N, C-alpha and C. Protein backbone atom coordinates (compact mmCIF):
# COMPACT_ATOMS: atom_id res chain seq x y z
N MET A 1 -19.84 0.62 32.28
CA MET A 1 -18.59 -0.10 32.24
C MET A 1 -18.05 -0.09 30.81
N HIS A 2 -16.74 0.10 30.65
CA HIS A 2 -16.14 0.15 29.32
C HIS A 2 -15.75 -1.25 28.86
N ALA A 3 -15.95 -1.48 27.56
CA ALA A 3 -15.51 -2.75 26.99
C ALA A 3 -13.98 -2.75 26.93
N ARG A 4 -13.40 -3.84 27.26
CA ARG A 4 -11.93 -3.93 27.26
C ARG A 4 -11.45 -4.26 25.85
N ASN A 5 -10.36 -3.62 25.47
CA ASN A 5 -9.74 -3.89 24.19
C ASN A 5 -8.49 -4.73 24.45
N PRO A 6 -8.50 -6.02 24.05
CA PRO A 6 -7.36 -6.87 24.34
C PRO A 6 -6.06 -6.36 23.72
N MET A 7 -6.15 -5.63 22.62
CA MET A 7 -4.95 -5.09 21.98
C MET A 7 -4.28 -4.06 22.88
N MET A 8 -5.06 -3.36 23.71
CA MET A 8 -4.50 -2.31 24.56
C MET A 8 -3.92 -2.89 25.85
N GLU A 9 -4.37 -4.06 26.26
CA GLU A 9 -3.93 -4.64 27.52
C GLU A 9 -2.66 -5.46 27.37
N LYS A 10 -2.52 -6.15 26.28
CA LYS A 10 -1.36 -7.00 26.07
C LYS A 10 -0.17 -6.18 25.58
N ILE A 11 1.01 -6.57 26.02
CA ILE A 11 2.22 -5.90 25.57
C ILE A 11 2.85 -6.69 24.42
N TYR A 12 2.85 -8.01 24.53
CA TYR A 12 3.44 -8.86 23.51
C TYR A 12 2.44 -9.89 23.02
N PHE A 13 2.58 -10.24 21.74
CA PHE A 13 1.68 -11.18 21.09
C PHE A 13 2.50 -12.28 20.43
N THR A 14 1.97 -13.50 20.42
CA THR A 14 2.64 -14.61 19.76
C THR A 14 2.46 -14.50 18.25
N ILE A 15 3.24 -15.26 17.52
CA ILE A 15 3.14 -15.22 16.06
C ILE A 15 1.75 -15.66 15.58
N GLY A 16 1.15 -16.62 16.28
CA GLY A 16 -0.20 -17.06 15.91
C GLY A 16 -1.24 -15.96 16.09
N GLU A 17 -1.13 -15.24 17.19
CA GLU A 17 -2.05 -14.11 17.43
C GLU A 17 -1.84 -13.02 16.40
N VAL A 18 -0.59 -12.74 16.10
CA VAL A 18 -0.27 -11.69 15.12
C VAL A 18 -0.77 -12.09 13.73
N ALA A 19 -0.63 -13.35 13.39
CA ALA A 19 -1.11 -13.83 12.09
C ALA A 19 -2.60 -13.56 11.92
N VAL A 20 -3.37 -13.79 12.99
CA VAL A 20 -4.82 -13.53 12.94
C VAL A 20 -5.08 -12.03 12.82
N ILE A 21 -4.36 -11.23 13.61
CA ILE A 21 -4.55 -9.78 13.60
C ILE A 21 -4.24 -9.19 12.23
N VAL A 22 -3.13 -9.63 11.63
CA VAL A 22 -2.69 -9.07 10.35
C VAL A 22 -3.41 -9.70 9.17
N GLY A 23 -3.85 -10.96 9.35
CA GLY A 23 -4.57 -11.64 8.28
C GLY A 23 -3.66 -12.38 7.31
N VAL A 24 -2.53 -12.86 7.82
CA VAL A 24 -1.60 -13.64 6.99
C VAL A 24 -1.18 -14.88 7.79
N SER A 25 -0.45 -15.76 7.15
CA SER A 25 0.00 -16.98 7.82
C SER A 25 1.25 -16.69 8.66
N PRO A 26 1.48 -17.51 9.68
CA PRO A 26 2.71 -17.36 10.46
C PRO A 26 3.97 -17.49 9.60
N SER A 27 3.90 -18.34 8.57
CA SER A 27 5.07 -18.49 7.69
C SER A 27 5.37 -17.20 6.93
N SER A 28 4.33 -16.46 6.55
CA SER A 28 4.54 -15.16 5.90
C SER A 28 5.25 -14.19 6.85
N ILE A 29 4.83 -14.22 8.10
CA ILE A 29 5.45 -13.34 9.10
C ILE A 29 6.92 -13.70 9.29
N ARG A 30 7.21 -15.00 9.38
CA ARG A 30 8.61 -15.42 9.53
C ARG A 30 9.42 -15.01 8.31
N TYR A 31 8.84 -15.15 7.13
CA TYR A 31 9.52 -14.76 5.89
C TYR A 31 9.80 -13.26 5.87
N TRP A 32 8.81 -12.47 6.24
CA TRP A 32 8.99 -11.02 6.27
C TRP A 32 10.04 -10.63 7.31
N GLU A 33 10.07 -11.33 8.43
CA GLU A 33 11.06 -11.06 9.47
C GLU A 33 12.48 -11.23 8.91
N GLN A 34 12.67 -12.23 8.07
CA GLN A 34 13.97 -12.47 7.46
C GLN A 34 14.33 -11.40 6.44
N ASN A 35 13.33 -10.76 5.84
CA ASN A 35 13.58 -9.85 4.73
C ASN A 35 13.47 -8.37 5.07
N PHE A 36 12.98 -8.04 6.25
CA PHE A 36 12.85 -6.64 6.65
C PHE A 36 13.65 -6.41 7.93
N ASP A 37 14.74 -5.67 7.81
CA ASP A 37 15.61 -5.41 8.96
C ASP A 37 14.89 -4.72 10.11
N GLU A 38 13.87 -3.91 9.78
CA GLU A 38 13.14 -3.16 10.80
C GLU A 38 12.32 -4.06 11.72
N LEU A 39 12.00 -5.24 11.23
CA LEU A 39 11.13 -6.16 11.97
C LEU A 39 12.00 -7.09 12.83
N LYS A 40 12.07 -6.78 14.09
CA LYS A 40 12.88 -7.57 15.03
C LYS A 40 12.08 -7.83 16.31
N PRO A 41 11.20 -8.86 16.29
CA PRO A 41 10.44 -9.14 17.52
C PRO A 41 11.37 -9.66 18.61
N CYS A 42 10.96 -9.47 19.85
CA CYS A 42 11.70 -10.04 20.98
C CYS A 42 11.53 -11.55 20.92
N LYS A 43 12.43 -12.24 21.58
CA LYS A 43 12.29 -13.69 21.67
C LYS A 43 12.41 -14.10 23.12
N SER A 44 11.56 -15.05 23.49
CA SER A 44 11.59 -15.57 24.86
C SER A 44 12.82 -16.46 25.01
N GLU A 45 13.05 -16.93 26.23
CA GLU A 45 14.16 -17.84 26.48
C GLU A 45 14.04 -19.11 25.64
N LYS A 46 12.82 -19.49 25.34
CA LYS A 46 12.58 -20.70 24.53
C LYS A 46 12.66 -20.41 23.03
N GLY A 47 12.82 -19.13 22.67
CA GLY A 47 12.92 -18.77 21.25
C GLY A 47 11.59 -18.39 20.61
N THR A 48 10.54 -18.30 21.41
CA THR A 48 9.23 -17.90 20.89
C THR A 48 9.26 -16.42 20.53
N ARG A 49 8.79 -16.11 19.33
CA ARG A 49 8.73 -14.71 18.91
C ARG A 49 7.63 -13.99 19.68
N LEU A 50 7.96 -12.80 20.16
CA LEU A 50 7.00 -11.98 20.89
C LEU A 50 6.94 -10.62 20.22
N PHE A 51 5.80 -10.32 19.62
CA PHE A 51 5.63 -9.11 18.83
C PHE A 51 4.97 -8.01 19.66
N SER A 52 5.52 -6.81 19.58
CA SER A 52 4.96 -5.64 20.26
C SER A 52 3.96 -4.97 19.33
N GLN A 53 3.25 -3.98 19.85
CA GLN A 53 2.29 -3.23 19.04
C GLN A 53 2.98 -2.56 17.84
N PRO A 54 4.16 -1.92 18.01
CA PRO A 54 4.85 -1.35 16.85
C PRO A 54 5.23 -2.41 15.81
N ASP A 55 5.59 -3.62 16.27
CA ASP A 55 5.89 -4.71 15.33
C ASP A 55 4.64 -5.05 14.51
N ILE A 56 3.50 -5.09 15.18
CA ILE A 56 2.24 -5.43 14.50
C ILE A 56 1.89 -4.35 13.48
N GLU A 57 2.07 -3.09 13.84
CA GLU A 57 1.79 -2.00 12.89
C GLU A 57 2.71 -2.10 11.68
N LEU A 58 3.98 -2.43 11.91
CA LEU A 58 4.92 -2.60 10.79
C LEU A 58 4.49 -3.77 9.92
N LEU A 59 4.06 -4.86 10.52
CA LEU A 59 3.58 -6.00 9.74
C LEU A 59 2.35 -5.64 8.91
N LYS A 60 1.45 -4.85 9.48
CA LYS A 60 0.27 -4.41 8.73
C LYS A 60 0.69 -3.57 7.53
N LEU A 61 1.70 -2.72 7.73
CA LEU A 61 2.20 -1.88 6.64
C LEU A 61 2.86 -2.74 5.56
N ILE A 62 3.66 -3.71 5.97
CA ILE A 62 4.29 -4.62 5.01
C ILE A 62 3.22 -5.38 4.24
N CYS A 63 2.21 -5.86 4.95
CA CYS A 63 1.10 -6.57 4.31
C CYS A 63 0.41 -5.69 3.28
N PHE A 64 0.16 -4.44 3.63
CA PHE A 64 -0.45 -3.49 2.70
C PHE A 64 0.40 -3.36 1.44
N LEU A 65 1.70 -3.18 1.62
CA LEU A 65 2.59 -2.98 0.47
C LEU A 65 2.67 -4.23 -0.41
N VAL A 66 2.76 -5.38 0.21
CA VAL A 66 2.96 -6.63 -0.54
C VAL A 66 1.64 -7.18 -1.09
N LYS A 67 0.63 -7.24 -0.22
CA LYS A 67 -0.63 -7.88 -0.63
C LYS A 67 -1.56 -6.93 -1.39
N GLU A 68 -1.72 -5.70 -0.91
CA GLU A 68 -2.68 -4.79 -1.53
C GLU A 68 -2.07 -3.97 -2.67
N ARG A 69 -0.86 -3.50 -2.47
CA ARG A 69 -0.21 -2.71 -3.51
C ARG A 69 0.52 -3.57 -4.54
N GLY A 70 0.75 -4.85 -4.20
CA GLY A 70 1.38 -5.77 -5.15
C GLY A 70 2.88 -5.60 -5.32
N LEU A 71 3.53 -4.97 -4.34
CA LEU A 71 4.97 -4.79 -4.45
C LEU A 71 5.70 -6.09 -4.13
N THR A 72 6.88 -6.23 -4.72
CA THR A 72 7.74 -7.34 -4.36
C THR A 72 8.35 -7.03 -2.99
N ILE A 73 8.99 -8.03 -2.38
CA ILE A 73 9.66 -7.81 -1.10
C ILE A 73 10.72 -6.72 -1.28
N LYS A 74 11.48 -6.81 -2.36
CA LYS A 74 12.52 -5.81 -2.64
C LYS A 74 11.90 -4.42 -2.79
N GLY A 75 10.78 -4.33 -3.50
CA GLY A 75 10.10 -3.05 -3.71
C GLY A 75 9.56 -2.49 -2.40
N ALA A 76 9.01 -3.37 -1.57
CA ALA A 76 8.46 -2.93 -0.27
C ALA A 76 9.59 -2.45 0.64
N ARG A 77 10.71 -3.16 0.64
CA ARG A 77 11.87 -2.73 1.45
C ARG A 77 12.34 -1.35 1.02
N LYS A 78 12.43 -1.16 -0.28
CA LYS A 78 12.87 0.13 -0.84
C LYS A 78 11.90 1.25 -0.45
N LYS A 79 10.62 0.97 -0.55
CA LYS A 79 9.59 1.96 -0.21
C LYS A 79 9.70 2.36 1.26
N LEU A 80 9.91 1.39 2.14
CA LEU A 80 10.02 1.68 3.57
C LEU A 80 11.29 2.47 3.89
N LYS A 81 12.36 2.19 3.19
CA LYS A 81 13.63 2.87 3.47
C LYS A 81 13.67 4.27 2.88
N GLU A 82 13.16 4.43 1.67
CA GLU A 82 13.31 5.70 0.96
C GLU A 82 12.16 6.67 1.20
N ASN A 83 10.98 6.15 1.47
CA ASN A 83 9.80 7.02 1.50
C ASN A 83 8.82 6.57 2.58
N ARG A 84 9.34 6.30 3.77
CA ARG A 84 8.53 5.71 4.83
C ARG A 84 7.35 6.60 5.25
N GLU A 85 7.58 7.89 5.44
CA GLU A 85 6.49 8.78 5.91
C GLU A 85 5.34 8.84 4.92
N ASP A 86 5.64 9.01 3.63
CA ASP A 86 4.58 9.07 2.62
C ASP A 86 3.87 7.72 2.51
N THR A 87 4.62 6.64 2.65
CA THR A 87 4.03 5.31 2.60
C THR A 87 3.04 5.12 3.74
N ILE A 88 3.43 5.55 4.94
CA ILE A 88 2.54 5.43 6.10
C ILE A 88 1.30 6.30 5.92
N LYS A 89 1.47 7.52 5.41
CA LYS A 89 0.31 8.40 5.17
C LYS A 89 -0.66 7.78 4.17
N THR A 90 -0.12 7.21 3.10
CA THR A 90 -0.96 6.58 2.09
C THR A 90 -1.71 5.39 2.70
N TRP A 91 -1.00 4.59 3.48
CA TRP A 91 -1.59 3.42 4.12
C TRP A 91 -2.71 3.84 5.06
N GLU A 92 -2.47 4.89 5.86
CA GLU A 92 -3.50 5.36 6.78
C GLU A 92 -4.72 5.88 6.03
N LEU A 93 -4.50 6.58 4.94
CA LEU A 93 -5.61 7.07 4.13
C LEU A 93 -6.42 5.90 3.57
N VAL A 94 -5.74 4.90 3.06
CA VAL A 94 -6.44 3.72 2.52
C VAL A 94 -7.26 3.05 3.62
N ARG A 95 -6.68 2.92 4.82
CA ARG A 95 -7.43 2.30 5.94
C ARG A 95 -8.67 3.11 6.28
N ARG A 96 -8.55 4.43 6.31
CA ARG A 96 -9.72 5.27 6.61
C ARG A 96 -10.79 5.12 5.54
N LEU A 97 -10.37 5.11 4.29
CA LEU A 97 -11.33 4.96 3.18
C LEU A 97 -12.01 3.59 3.24
N GLN A 98 -11.27 2.55 3.62
CA GLN A 98 -11.87 1.22 3.75
C GLN A 98 -12.91 1.19 4.87
N THR A 99 -12.63 1.92 5.95
CA THR A 99 -13.58 2.01 7.06
C THR A 99 -14.85 2.73 6.62
N VAL A 100 -14.69 3.83 5.89
CA VAL A 100 -15.84 4.58 5.39
C VAL A 100 -16.65 3.71 4.43
N LYS A 101 -15.95 3.00 3.55
CA LYS A 101 -16.63 2.12 2.59
C LYS A 101 -17.44 1.05 3.33
N ALA A 102 -16.84 0.43 4.34
CA ALA A 102 -17.54 -0.59 5.11
C ALA A 102 -18.77 -0.01 5.79
N GLY A 103 -18.65 1.20 6.31
CA GLY A 103 -19.80 1.87 6.94
C GLY A 103 -20.90 2.14 5.95
N LEU A 104 -20.53 2.61 4.76
CA LEU A 104 -21.52 2.88 3.72
C LEU A 104 -22.21 1.60 3.25
N ILE A 105 -21.46 0.53 3.13
CA ILE A 105 -22.05 -0.75 2.73
C ILE A 105 -23.02 -1.24 3.80
N ALA A 106 -22.66 -1.07 5.07
CA ALA A 106 -23.56 -1.47 6.16
C ALA A 106 -24.85 -0.66 6.13
N ILE A 107 -24.73 0.64 5.88
CA ILE A 107 -25.92 1.49 5.78
C ILE A 107 -26.79 1.05 4.61
N ARG A 108 -26.14 0.79 3.47
CA ARG A 108 -26.88 0.34 2.29
C ARG A 108 -27.62 -0.95 2.58
N ASP A 109 -26.93 -1.89 3.22
CA ASP A 109 -27.54 -3.18 3.51
C ASP A 109 -28.71 -3.05 4.48
N GLU A 110 -28.57 -2.16 5.47
CA GLU A 110 -29.66 -1.94 6.43
C GLU A 110 -30.87 -1.32 5.77
N THR A 111 -30.64 -0.36 4.89
CA THR A 111 -31.76 0.35 4.25
C THR A 111 -32.42 -0.47 3.16
N SER A 112 -31.65 -1.34 2.50
CA SER A 112 -32.24 -2.14 1.42
C SER A 112 -33.10 -3.28 1.97
N GLY A 113 -32.89 -3.63 3.23
CA GLY A 113 -33.67 -4.70 3.84
C GLY A 113 -35.05 -4.26 4.27
N ASN A 114 -35.30 -2.96 4.28
CA ASN A 114 -36.61 -2.44 4.74
C ASN A 114 -37.59 -2.31 3.64
């Protein structure tokens, strides 16, 4: 039996769920929504923000630019508008390298315990 991936089953996520996934506060997400034209989550009849998988990927990219690269909101907006493809490639490379690093640390920790 295959383990289910909740990210693959759900179509829309609440701001609270997205905050956990991205690793930022809901207020940061609301702030970024105001400052990035590309970020337009759907809203329910009650006004609840509903984020799709592409919205979450965009938020992760914004988080990378602002939190990890240290860009200002203005700088991150400019980067996304002028050089989006290269920015995404760099972000994907960084994510892969972080995964490799985590794997190497796990191996080191397992071998040092013996």
